[in-house]
Amino acid sequence: MFIKSFKELINYIDQDINCKDIRIYRILNVEDLENWVKLNNYLLEKCTRQIRLSDYCFGEDLTPNINKLCADLQFLDRNAVLLPISEHLRINIDQFEKVLMKVIGVQFSEDVYSKQIHVYIPMYKMQGYLQNIIKHDPRLENNIIFLEAESKDEKPSIKILANDIDYKMPGNEITGYKNYLRYWEETPELPIVLYTENAAYLKNNAFADDIEVYVNAFDVIKNKGLLPFNVNEALGEGWQWHKLLGLLNVRQNYGSIKELLFANKNKNEMQILEYWNDANEFEKWLIWLYFKYEGKSDYVSEIIKKCISYKTFIKDLVCGIFEYSIHTNNYERVFFERKSMLQVLCL
């Protein structure tokens, strides 16, 4: 059923709440956040029972227990509003129909028909998924109501990050899945940044909208394009990417890896290599990344292609010359490049 205006939707609720219907659920979908908040507030005023999904999260970072929710719904004895189920299913969209049908399929112990009990379920931007449910069960057509949008919001922007990621993204920051649901139960604003211990488990979920999941520091570095080159995660360890992300938080405007290491961005390659013996393990890794992706030396550029770890960089630098033929056109140049590099390394 389609309703053209928010005022008409309110009138529908006012009339419907006093009618008897064996199907007591009303799923009300709106396509813009402003009307969704207004709808929630109105339903909270009209219904004497508020069923909040956050109350079924039995841990600060656990998803709601739908089985417990359905068990409690069996004993419903008054008009109720259930929210924010769309915002739980948005992150678990492959469970949309299964969960929703389970909820509206609950068998009640009370005489809900004689008592004119209704359960109102507001939904935000779920029109396509709800229309699929109607296709599967046309009997639900009059129980699923769509507010025709005068203007539609862009796709909801939700960023999900692992708790230990040291990176700030623009948006309303929330820690824990229970608080995420609580936020939607009040007066939400987009975008949302959710920090959770379960980011790794959510990464492979099917999502309804513009939802991004960052499991570790490398995910942020890669997807936000924080390095001036594309890099493979296998080239570093977790602690290195984590520390690098923290460094990038501080030094956001830079043009080269060497600028993360040295105040003097005009250092040449020999000066950078000369620092190797005094560098710590993290700095050695950065020096190696610099030569791997930004180095200009013919010799280093060639030997580092096969180098998969900063730990073998010096060995490869020493032994790489043996892969050249003395008859190679540039042999003399790379020979003296290597010689200069070994001198600054005191080898």
Protein backbone atom coordinates (compact mmCIF):
# COMPACT_ATOMS: atom_id res chain seq x y z
CA MET A 1 0.00 0.00 0.00
CA PHE A 2 1.36 3.42 -0.97
CA ILE A 3 0.59 6.64 0.89
CA LYS A 4 1.40 9.98 -0.70
CA SER A 5 2.23 12.27 2.22
CA PHE A 6 3.42 12.10 5.81
CA LYS A 7 0.18 13.71 6.97
CA GLU A 8 -1.79 10.94 5.27
CA LEU A 9 0.48 8.37 6.93
CA ILE A 10 -0.34 9.83 10.35
CA ASN A 11 -4.05 9.78 9.53
CA TYR A 12 -3.71 6.14 8.47
CA ILE A 13 -2.10 5.22 11.81
CA ASP A 14 -4.77 7.10 13.78
CA GLN A 15 -7.54 5.17 12.05
CA ASP A 16 -5.75 1.83 11.89
CA ILE A 17 -4.88 1.69 15.58
CA ASN A 18 -8.61 1.44 16.43
CA CYS A 19 -9.39 -1.31 13.91
CA LYS A 20 -9.43 -5.06 14.44
CA ASP A 21 -7.20 -7.15 12.18
CA ILE A 22 -6.01 -10.72 12.54
CA ARG A 23 -2.71 -9.54 11.01
CA ILE A 24 -1.59 -7.15 13.71
CA TYR A 25 1.72 -6.03 12.18
CA ARG A 26 2.13 -2.81 10.19
CA ILE A 27 5.47 -2.31 8.48
CA LEU A 28 5.88 1.38 7.63
CA ASN A 29 8.66 2.29 5.19
CA VAL A 30 9.94 5.83 4.60
CA GLU A 31 12.75 6.89 2.29
CA ASP A 32 14.15 9.92 4.11
CA LEU A 33 15.69 10.18 7.56
CA GLU A 34 13.73 13.26 8.64
CA ASN A 35 10.38 11.52 8.17
CA TRP A 36 11.72 8.32 9.71
CA VAL A 37 12.59 10.19 12.91
CA LYS A 38 9.19 11.94 12.91
CA LEU A 39 7.43 8.60 12.37
CA ASN A 40 9.31 6.96 15.23
CA ASN A 41 8.48 9.82 17.60
CA TYR A 42 4.80 9.66 16.67
CA LEU A 43 4.62 5.89 17.13
CA LEU A 44 6.38 6.16 20.49
CA GLU A 45 3.62 8.53 21.58
CA LYS A 46 0.77 6.37 20.25
CA CYS A 47 1.96 2.99 21.48
CA THR A 48 2.07 2.12 25.16
CA ARG A 49 4.73 -0.55 24.64
CA GLN A 50 8.16 0.21 23.20
CA ILE A 51 10.16 -2.77 21.99
CA ARG A 52 13.76 -1.75 21.44
CA LEU A 53 16.22 -4.12 19.78
CA SER A 54 19.04 -2.80 21.94
CA ASP A 55 17.35 -4.42 24.95
CA TYR A 56 17.97 -7.79 23.30
CA CYS A 57 21.72 -7.28 22.93
CA PHE A 58 23.04 -9.25 25.91
CA GLY A 59 26.43 -7.61 25.74
CA GLU A 60 27.63 -4.17 24.71
CA ASP A 61 28.99 -5.44 21.40
CA LEU A 62 26.59 -8.29 20.60
CA THR A 63 23.82 -8.36 18.00
CA PRO A 64 20.22 -8.73 19.26
CA ASN A 65 18.86 -12.15 20.17
CA ILE A 66 15.92 -12.47 17.75
CA ASN A 67 14.72 -15.71 19.34
CA LYS A 68 14.32 -13.97 22.71
CA LEU A 69 12.54 -11.09 21.00
CA CYS A 70 10.04 -13.46 19.38
CA ALA A 71 9.52 -15.30 22.66
CA ASP A 72 8.59 -12.03 24.37
CA LEU A 73 6.32 -10.97 21.52
CA GLN A 74 4.12 -14.02 22.20
CA PHE A 75 2.83 -12.33 25.37
CA LEU A 76 2.10 -8.94 23.85
CA ASP A 77 -1.02 -7.40 25.39
CA ARG A 78 -0.99 -3.81 24.14
CA ASN A 79 -0.09 -1.69 21.11
CA ALA A 80 3.64 -1.65 20.48
CA VAL A 81 6.32 -0.12 18.29
CA LEU A 82 9.33 -2.26 17.37
CA LEU A 83 12.51 -0.47 16.32
CA PRO A 84 15.03 -0.14 14.75
CA ILE A 85 14.91 -3.48 12.96
CA SER A 86 15.76 -2.01 9.55
CA GLU A 87 19.07 -0.71 10.88
CA HIS A 88 19.98 -4.12 12.25
CA LEU A 89 19.06 -5.83 9.00
CA ARG A 90 20.86 -3.18 6.90
CA ILE A 91 24.11 -4.67 8.17
CA ASN A 92 22.77 -8.23 7.81
CA ILE A 93 20.69 -7.84 4.66
CA ASP A 94 20.97 -11.49 3.62
CA GLN A 95 18.89 -12.23 6.75
CA PHE A 96 16.24 -9.64 5.92
CA GLU A 97 13.36 -11.85 4.85
CA LYS A 98 14.17 -14.69 7.26
CA VAL A 99 14.26 -12.43 10.33
CA LEU A 100 11.30 -10.28 9.37
CA MET A 101 9.06 -13.25 8.57
CA LYS A 102 10.07 -14.87 11.85
CA VAL A 103 9.05 -11.75 13.76
CA ILE A 104 5.69 -11.26 12.06
CA GLY A 105 4.98 -15.01 12.21
CA VAL A 106 4.90 -15.12 16.03
CA GLN A 107 1.88 -16.91 17.53
CA PHE A 108 0.36 -14.88 20.38
CA SER A 109 -0.93 -16.19 23.69
CA GLU A 110 -3.29 -13.19 24.08
CA ASP A 111 -6.46 -12.53 22.06
CA VAL A 112 -4.80 -9.81 20.02
CA TYR A 113 -7.76 -9.59 17.61
CA SER A 114 -10.41 -8.77 20.22
CA LYS A 115 -8.06 -6.37 22.02
CA GLN A 116 -7.27 -4.54 18.75
CA ILE A 117 -3.54 -4.90 19.39
CA HIS A 118 -1.15 -3.65 16.72
CA VAL A 119 2.63 -3.80 16.31
CA TYR A 120 4.12 -1.01 14.23
CA ILE A 121 7.54 -1.56 12.65
CA PRO A 122 9.08 1.58 11.11
CA MET A 123 11.61 0.93 8.35
CA TYR A 124 14.11 3.27 6.72
CA LYS A 125 14.91 2.87 3.00
CA MET A 126 13.89 -0.78 2.69
CA GLN A 127 11.31 -0.44 -0.09
CA GLY A 128 12.91 -2.87 -2.55
CA TYR A 129 13.38 -5.61 0.07
CA LEU A 130 9.83 -5.21 1.36
CA GLN A 131 8.40 -5.38 -2.17
CA ASN A 132 10.20 -8.70 -2.62
CA ILE A 133 8.45 -10.01 0.49
CA ILE A 134 5.08 -8.96 -0.94
CA LYS A 135 5.91 -10.84 -4.15
CA HIS A 136 6.51 -13.98 -2.09
CA ASP A 137 3.38 -13.46 0.03
CA PRO A 138 0.80 -11.10 -1.56
CA ARG A 139 -1.37 -11.39 1.56
CA LEU A 140 0.99 -8.92 3.24
CA GLU A 141 0.34 -6.14 0.72
CA ASN A 142 -2.07 -4.24 2.98
CA ASN A 143 0.18 -4.65 6.00
CA ILE A 144 3.28 -3.13 4.41
CA ILE A 145 2.89 0.59 3.87
CA PHE A 146 5.18 2.75 1.76
CA LEU A 147 5.37 6.50 2.13
CA GLU A 148 5.97 7.91 -1.34
CA ALA A 149 9.08 10.03 -1.01
CA GLU A 150 9.03 13.61 -2.18
CA SER A 151 12.81 13.45 -2.01
CA LYS A 152 15.03 10.48 -1.24
CA ASP A 153 18.11 10.47 0.93
CA GLU A 154 21.39 9.32 -0.47
CA LYS A 155 22.40 5.84 0.58
CA PRO A 156 23.00 5.70 4.34
CA SER A 157 26.73 6.04 4.99
CA ILE A 158 27.95 3.72 7.73
CA LYS A 159 31.61 2.99 8.39
CA ILE A 160 32.43 -0.02 10.59
CA LEU A 161 35.90 -0.14 12.15
CA ALA A 162 37.65 -2.57 14.46
CA ASN A 163 38.04 -1.11 17.96
CA ASP A 164 41.83 -1.05 17.84
CA ILE A 165 42.12 1.03 14.65
CA ASP A 166 43.68 4.39 15.47
CA TYR A 167 41.96 6.49 12.82
CA LYS A 168 39.23 9.12 12.95
CA MET A 169 36.66 9.23 10.18
CA PRO A 170 34.13 12.04 9.79
CA GLY A 171 30.76 11.12 11.30
CA ASN A 172 28.95 10.33 14.52
CA GLU A 173 31.19 7.92 16.43
CA ILE A 174 29.56 4.99 18.23
CA THR A 175 31.28 2.18 20.13
CA GLY A 176 29.56 -1.21 20.33
CA TYR A 177 26.63 -2.71 18.44
CA LYS A 178 24.20 -2.15 21.31
CA ASN A 179 24.94 1.58 21.26
CA TYR A 180 24.58 1.56 17.48
CA LEU A 181 20.99 0.33 17.88
CA ARG A 182 20.36 2.78 20.73
CA TYR A 183 21.53 5.60 18.48
CA TRP A 184 18.95 4.64 15.84
CA GLU A 185 16.29 4.37 18.56
CA GLU A 186 16.75 8.04 19.42
CA THR A 187 17.40 10.84 16.89
CA PRO A 188 20.09 9.56 14.51
CA GLU A 189 22.16 11.58 12.09
CA LEU A 190 24.34 10.36 9.24
CA PRO A 191 27.10 9.47 8.58
CA ILE A 192 27.75 6.91 11.32
CA VAL A 193 31.12 5.49 12.37
CA LEU A 194 30.72 2.27 14.36
CA TYR A 195 33.67 0.89 16.32
CA THR A 196 33.20 -2.77 17.16
CA GLU A 197 35.15 -5.85 18.21
CA ASN A 198 33.25 -7.81 15.57
CA ALA A 199 34.34 -5.95 12.43
CA ALA A 200 36.09 -9.07 11.12
CA TYR A 201 32.86 -11.08 11.38
CA LEU A 202 30.83 -8.35 9.67
CA LYS A 203 33.26 -7.89 6.78
CA ASN A 204 31.82 -10.77 4.76
CA ASN A 205 28.19 -9.77 5.36
CA ALA A 206 25.93 -8.66 2.53
CA PHE A 207 25.01 -5.02 3.05
CA ALA A 208 22.01 -3.01 1.91
CA ASP A 209 23.71 0.32 1.27
CA ASP A 210 26.90 2.32 1.46
CA ILE A 211 28.51 0.38 4.30
CA GLU A 212 32.28 -0.01 4.55
CA VAL A 213 34.09 -2.34 6.94
CA TYR A 214 37.67 -1.81 8.07
CA VAL A 215 39.11 -4.78 9.93
CA ASN A 216 42.64 -3.49 10.41
CA ALA A 217 44.92 -0.53 9.79
CA PHE A 218 45.86 -1.74 6.31
CA ASP A 219 42.18 -1.66 5.24
CA VAL A 220 42.06 2.03 6.12
CA ILE A 221 45.38 2.84 4.43
CA LYS A 222 44.38 1.06 1.23
CA ASN A 223 40.71 2.07 0.93
CA LYS A 224 41.31 5.69 1.91
CA GLY A 225 44.30 5.97 -0.43
CA LEU A 226 46.60 7.21 2.32
CA LEU A 227 49.77 6.11 0.51
CA PRO A 228 50.87 7.60 -2.83
CA PHE A 229 51.09 4.09 -4.33
CA ASN A 230 49.18 0.80 -4.26
CA VAL A 231 50.66 -1.65 -1.81
CA ASN A 232 50.09 -5.30 -0.92
CA GLU A 233 49.17 -6.15 2.69
CA ALA A 234 51.61 -9.07 2.70
CA LEU A 235 54.54 -6.63 2.49
CA GLY A 236 54.06 -5.62 6.11
CA GLU A 237 53.02 -7.06 9.46
CA GLY A 238 49.98 -5.94 11.43
CA TRP A 239 51.99 -3.87 13.91
CA GLN A 240 53.77 -2.06 11.07
CA TRP A 241 50.54 -1.07 9.29
CA HIS A 242 49.08 -0.04 12.66
CA LYS A 243 52.04 2.20 13.45
CA LEU A 244 52.09 3.60 9.93
CA LEU A 245 48.41 4.54 10.17
CA GLY A 246 49.12 6.40 13.41
CA LEU A 247 51.94 8.26 11.67
CA LEU A 248 49.71 9.12 8.73
CA ASN A 249 47.16 10.55 11.17
CA VAL A 250 49.78 13.07 12.27
CA ARG A 251 51.42 13.72 8.89
CA GLN A 252 48.44 13.97 6.56
CA ASN A 253 49.96 16.25 3.94
CA TYR A 254 53.00 14.54 2.51
CA GLY A 255 54.21 13.60 -0.93
CA SER A 256 56.64 10.76 -0.30
CA ILE A 257 57.43 8.06 2.25
CA LYS A 258 60.74 9.77 2.98
CA GLU A 259 58.81 12.77 4.34
CA LEU A 260 57.46 10.51 7.08
CA LEU A 261 61.03 9.74 8.10
CA PHE A 262 62.93 12.98 7.65
CA ALA A 263 62.18 16.63 8.30
CA ASN A 264 64.35 17.41 5.27
CA LYS A 265 62.31 16.14 2.34
CA ASN A 266 65.17 16.87 -0.07
CA LYS A 267 67.34 13.98 1.13
CA ASN A 268 68.64 11.91 -1.77
CA GLU A 269 68.67 8.12 -1.92
CA MET A 270 72.20 7.76 -0.60
CA GLN A 271 71.36 9.92 2.42
CA ILE A 272 68.25 7.86 3.06
CA LEU A 273 70.16 4.59 2.83
CA GLU A 274 72.88 5.98 5.09
CA TYR A 275 70.31 6.17 7.90
CA TRP A 276 69.68 2.40 7.73
CA ASN A 277 72.20 1.37 10.39
CA ASP A 278 70.71 3.81 12.92
CA ALA A 279 67.09 3.05 12.06
CA ASN A 280 64.75 0.95 14.18
CA GLU A 281 62.78 -1.94 12.67
CA PHE A 282 59.80 0.24 11.72
CA GLU A 283 62.01 2.85 10.08
CA LYS A 284 63.91 0.16 8.16
CA TRP A 285 60.58 -1.10 6.85
CA LEU A 286 59.65 2.42 5.70
CA ILE A 287 63.03 2.85 4.01
CA TRP A 288 62.47 -0.45 2.21
CA LEU A 289 58.97 0.64 1.12
CA TYR A 290 60.42 3.89 -0.16
CA PHE A 291 62.98 2.12 -2.33
CA LYS A 292 60.42 -0.46 -3.47
CA TYR A 293 57.87 2.06 -4.69
CA GLU A 294 59.63 5.41 -5.06
CA GLY A 295 63.30 4.63 -5.59
CA LYS A 296 64.98 5.90 -8.76
CA SER A 297 68.23 3.91 -8.71
CA ASP A 298 68.44 1.42 -11.58
CA TYR A 299 70.16 -1.15 -9.40
CA VAL A 300 67.81 -0.98 -6.43
CA SER A 301 64.73 -0.76 -8.64
CA GLU A 302 65.71 -4.02 -10.29
CA ILE A 303 66.81 -6.10 -7.30
CA ILE A 304 63.96 -4.97 -5.05
CA LYS A 305 61.32 -6.39 -7.41
CA LYS A 306 62.06 -9.86 -6.01
CA CYS A 307 62.58 -8.65 -2.46
CA ILE A 308 59.50 -9.54 -0.38
CA SER A 309 60.71 -8.36 3.04
CA TYR A 310 62.74 -5.49 4.45
CA LYS A 311 64.66 -8.12 6.43
CA THR A 312 66.41 -9.38 3.30
CA PHE A 313 66.91 -5.94 1.73
CA ILE A 314 70.60 -5.57 2.59
CA LYS A 315 71.40 -9.15 1.58
CA ASP A 316 69.65 -8.59 -1.75
CA LEU A 317 71.50 -5.31 -2.17
CA VAL A 318 74.84 -7.09 -1.70
CA CYS A 319 74.12 -10.18 -3.79
CA GLY A 320 71.88 -8.75 -6.49
CA ILE A 321 74.83 -7.84 -8.70
CA PHE A 322 75.50 -11.52 -9.35
CA GLU A 323 72.32 -11.71 -11.41
CA TYR A 324 73.78 -9.22 -13.90
CA SER A 325 75.99 -10.17 -16.80
CA ILE A 326 79.11 -8.09 -17.22
CA HIS A 327 78.07 -7.75 -20.84
CA THR A 328 74.82 -5.99 -19.89
CA ASN A 329 74.72 -2.45 -21.30
CA ASN A 330 74.17 -0.79 -17.93
CA TYR A 331 76.44 -3.11 -15.93
CA GLU A 332 79.06 -0.46 -15.21
CA ARG A 333 76.47 2.05 -13.98
CA VAL A 334 74.69 -0.42 -11.64
CA PHE A 335 78.06 -1.72 -10.42
CA PHE A 336 79.08 1.74 -9.22
CA GLU A 337 75.60 2.44 -7.84
CA ARG A 338 75.92 -0.71 -5.74
CA LYS A 339 79.44 0.21 -4.68
CA SER A 340 78.31 3.64 -3.47
CA MET A 341 75.44 2.09 -1.54
CA LEU A 342 77.64 -0.45 0.19
CA GLN A 343 80.02 2.36 1.18
CA VAL A 344 77.28 4.38 2.91
CA LEU A 345 76.20 1.17 4.67
CA CYS A 346 79.82 0.63 5.79
CA LEU A 347 79.91 -2.76 4.08
